[in-house]
Amino acid sequence: MVLRRLRAAARPSVQLERHPDEMPKDGLFTAPLRITRLEALEPEPHEGRTRVTFLVEVKDVEDKRCSDVAVDATVRGPEREATVQATTDMFGRVRLRMTGPPGAYEVEVLEVAAKALAWDRDAGPISASITVAD
């Protein structure tokens, strides 16, 4: 019985305070994602044609890599246009490729989605292009 009284006396009282909604939030479900890098890599020859690769990198507001994020984009080339969806790797990157003849190639990111996280479309680049010469 004496031991219980000592334990009770040794515990400090704790009072929890509510987090006001007016304060800025950077929590997991409130901070938006952003594209920090979007560029065309050096074109490569591929079976008598040209392969163009676009690199997209997604990070959060704390500049941490975001893996397993879906990226929807439209890739355009001289012969065709394709809407694709890919998932970022453990480095927060995805590579979008198109093979075709020399000419102009372009990528436009349409959506970046990760469950409840939002994408800040205005916080980074959303398109890139490259022209491949003959």
Protein backbone atom coordinates (compact mmCIF):
# COMPACT_ATOMS: atom_id res chain seq x y z
CA MET A 1 0.00 0.00 0.00
CA VAL A 2 2.85 2.38 0.77
CA LEU A 3 4.39 1.53 -2.61
CA ARG A 4 1.17 2.58 -4.43
CA ARG A 5 1.16 5.94 -2.65
CA LEU A 6 4.78 6.56 -3.63
CA ARG A 7 4.08 5.72 -7.28
CA ALA A 8 1.04 7.99 -7.35
CA ALA A 9 2.98 10.85 -5.77
CA ALA A 10 5.88 10.48 -8.24
CA ARG A 11 3.71 10.86 -11.35
CA PRO A 12 3.43 14.42 -12.63
CA SER A 13 0.02 15.53 -13.80
CA VAL A 14 -0.29 15.88 -17.56
CA GLN A 15 -2.73 18.16 -19.32
CA LEU A 16 -3.28 17.71 -23.05
CA GLU A 17 -3.84 20.79 -25.17
CA ARG A 18 -5.79 20.80 -28.41
CA HIS A 19 -4.04 21.76 -31.63
CA PRO A 20 -5.82 24.86 -33.01
CA ASP A 21 -6.90 24.61 -36.66
CA GLU A 22 -5.57 28.08 -37.50
CA MET A 23 -1.95 27.01 -37.15
CA PRO A 24 0.02 25.95 -40.25
CA LYS A 25 0.18 22.22 -40.80
CA ASP A 26 2.88 20.16 -42.46
CA GLY A 27 1.60 16.79 -41.35
CA LEU A 28 1.43 13.72 -43.51
CA PHE A 29 -2.08 14.41 -44.80
CA THR A 30 -1.94 18.19 -45.18
CA ALA A 31 1.30 19.13 -46.95
CA PRO A 32 1.24 18.99 -50.75
CA LEU A 33 3.66 17.11 -52.99
CA ARG A 34 5.60 18.87 -55.72
CA ILE A 35 7.63 18.03 -58.79
CA THR A 36 11.21 19.10 -58.13
CA ARG A 37 12.77 17.82 -61.35
CA LEU A 38 11.35 17.28 -64.82
CA GLU A 39 13.78 16.95 -67.69
CA ALA A 40 14.52 15.16 -70.92
CA LEU A 41 17.53 12.86 -70.68
CA GLU A 42 20.00 12.33 -73.52
CA PRO A 43 18.21 10.46 -76.39
CA GLU A 44 19.52 6.95 -77.17
CA PRO A 45 19.48 4.91 -80.36
CA HIS A 46 17.16 1.92 -80.06
CA GLU A 47 16.66 -0.63 -82.86
CA GLY A 48 17.20 1.91 -85.64
CA ARG A 49 14.99 4.53 -83.96
CA THR A 50 15.43 7.03 -81.14
CA ARG A 51 14.39 6.47 -77.51
CA VAL A 52 13.57 9.62 -75.55
CA THR A 53 13.36 9.42 -71.75
CA PHE A 54 11.81 12.03 -69.45
CA LEU A 55 12.74 11.98 -65.75
CA VAL A 56 10.15 13.14 -63.18
CA GLU A 57 11.10 13.53 -59.51
CA VAL A 58 8.52 14.03 -56.74
CA LYS A 59 9.27 15.34 -53.23
CA ASP A 60 7.27 16.58 -50.26
CA VAL A 61 7.48 20.02 -48.61
CA GLU A 62 10.40 18.86 -46.44
CA ASP A 63 12.33 17.90 -49.60
CA LYS A 64 12.01 14.18 -48.87
CA ARG A 65 11.68 11.68 -51.73
CA CYS A 66 8.19 10.32 -52.28
CA SER A 67 8.04 6.68 -53.35
CA ASP A 68 4.95 4.79 -54.54
CA VAL A 69 3.33 7.93 -55.94
CA ALA A 70 1.28 7.66 -59.13
CA VAL A 71 2.25 10.06 -61.92
CA ASP A 72 -0.13 10.53 -64.87
CA ALA A 73 1.34 12.21 -67.94
CA THR A 74 0.89 12.72 -71.65
CA VAL A 75 3.93 11.97 -73.80
CA ARG A 76 3.91 13.33 -77.37
CA GLY A 77 6.22 12.50 -80.23
CA PRO A 78 6.31 13.00 -84.01
CA GLU A 79 4.30 9.82 -84.65
CA ARG A 80 1.93 9.54 -81.71
CA GLU A 81 0.67 10.70 -78.34
CA ALA A 82 0.15 8.49 -75.26
CA THR A 83 -1.31 9.04 -71.81
CA VAL A 84 0.62 6.95 -69.31
CA GLN A 85 0.63 6.24 -65.59
CA ALA A 86 3.73 5.18 -63.68
CA THR A 87 4.70 4.85 -60.02
CA THR A 88 7.74 6.52 -58.48
CA ASP A 89 10.59 4.32 -57.29
CA MET A 90 12.30 4.46 -53.88
CA PHE A 91 14.12 7.64 -54.97
CA GLY A 92 10.84 9.40 -55.81
CA ARG A 93 11.58 9.19 -59.54
CA VAL A 94 9.80 7.85 -62.58
CA ARG A 95 11.05 7.59 -66.15
CA LEU A 96 8.64 8.00 -69.05
CA ARG A 97 9.88 6.78 -72.46
CA MET A 98 8.84 7.00 -76.08
CA THR A 99 10.59 5.57 -79.12
CA GLY A 100 10.23 7.05 -82.59
CA PRO A 101 11.86 8.97 -85.42
CA PRO A 102 13.81 12.23 -84.99
CA GLY A 103 11.60 15.21 -84.17
CA ALA A 104 9.99 17.01 -81.24
CA TYR A 105 9.07 15.13 -78.04
CA GLU A 106 7.18 16.57 -75.08
CA VAL A 107 5.85 15.41 -71.72
CA GLU A 108 3.12 17.09 -69.67
CA VAL A 109 2.32 15.90 -66.14
CA LEU A 110 -1.43 15.72 -65.64
CA GLU A 111 -1.69 14.44 -62.05
CA VAL A 112 0.46 13.34 -59.12
CA ALA A 113 -1.50 11.25 -56.62
CA ALA A 114 -0.60 9.52 -53.36
CA LYS A 115 -3.68 8.47 -51.43
CA ALA A 116 -4.70 11.50 -49.32
CA LEU A 117 -1.79 13.74 -50.34
CA ALA A 118 -2.42 16.68 -52.64
CA TRP A 119 -0.23 17.85 -55.52
CA ASP A 120 0.76 21.51 -55.72
CA ARG A 121 0.72 21.95 -59.50
CA ASP A 122 2.21 25.45 -59.30
CA ALA A 123 5.20 24.50 -57.10
CA GLY A 124 7.33 23.00 -59.86
CA PRO A 125 7.61 22.24 -63.56
CA ILE A 126 4.80 20.35 -65.31
CA SER A 127 6.23 20.00 -68.82
CA ALA A 128 9.48 19.42 -70.67
CA SER A 129 10.45 18.98 -74.30
CA ILE A 130 13.36 17.99 -76.49
CA THR A 131 14.00 18.02 -80.25
CA VAL A 132 15.95 15.11 -81.66
CA ALA A 133 17.91 15.95 -84.82
CA ASP A 134 18.40 13.57 -87.77
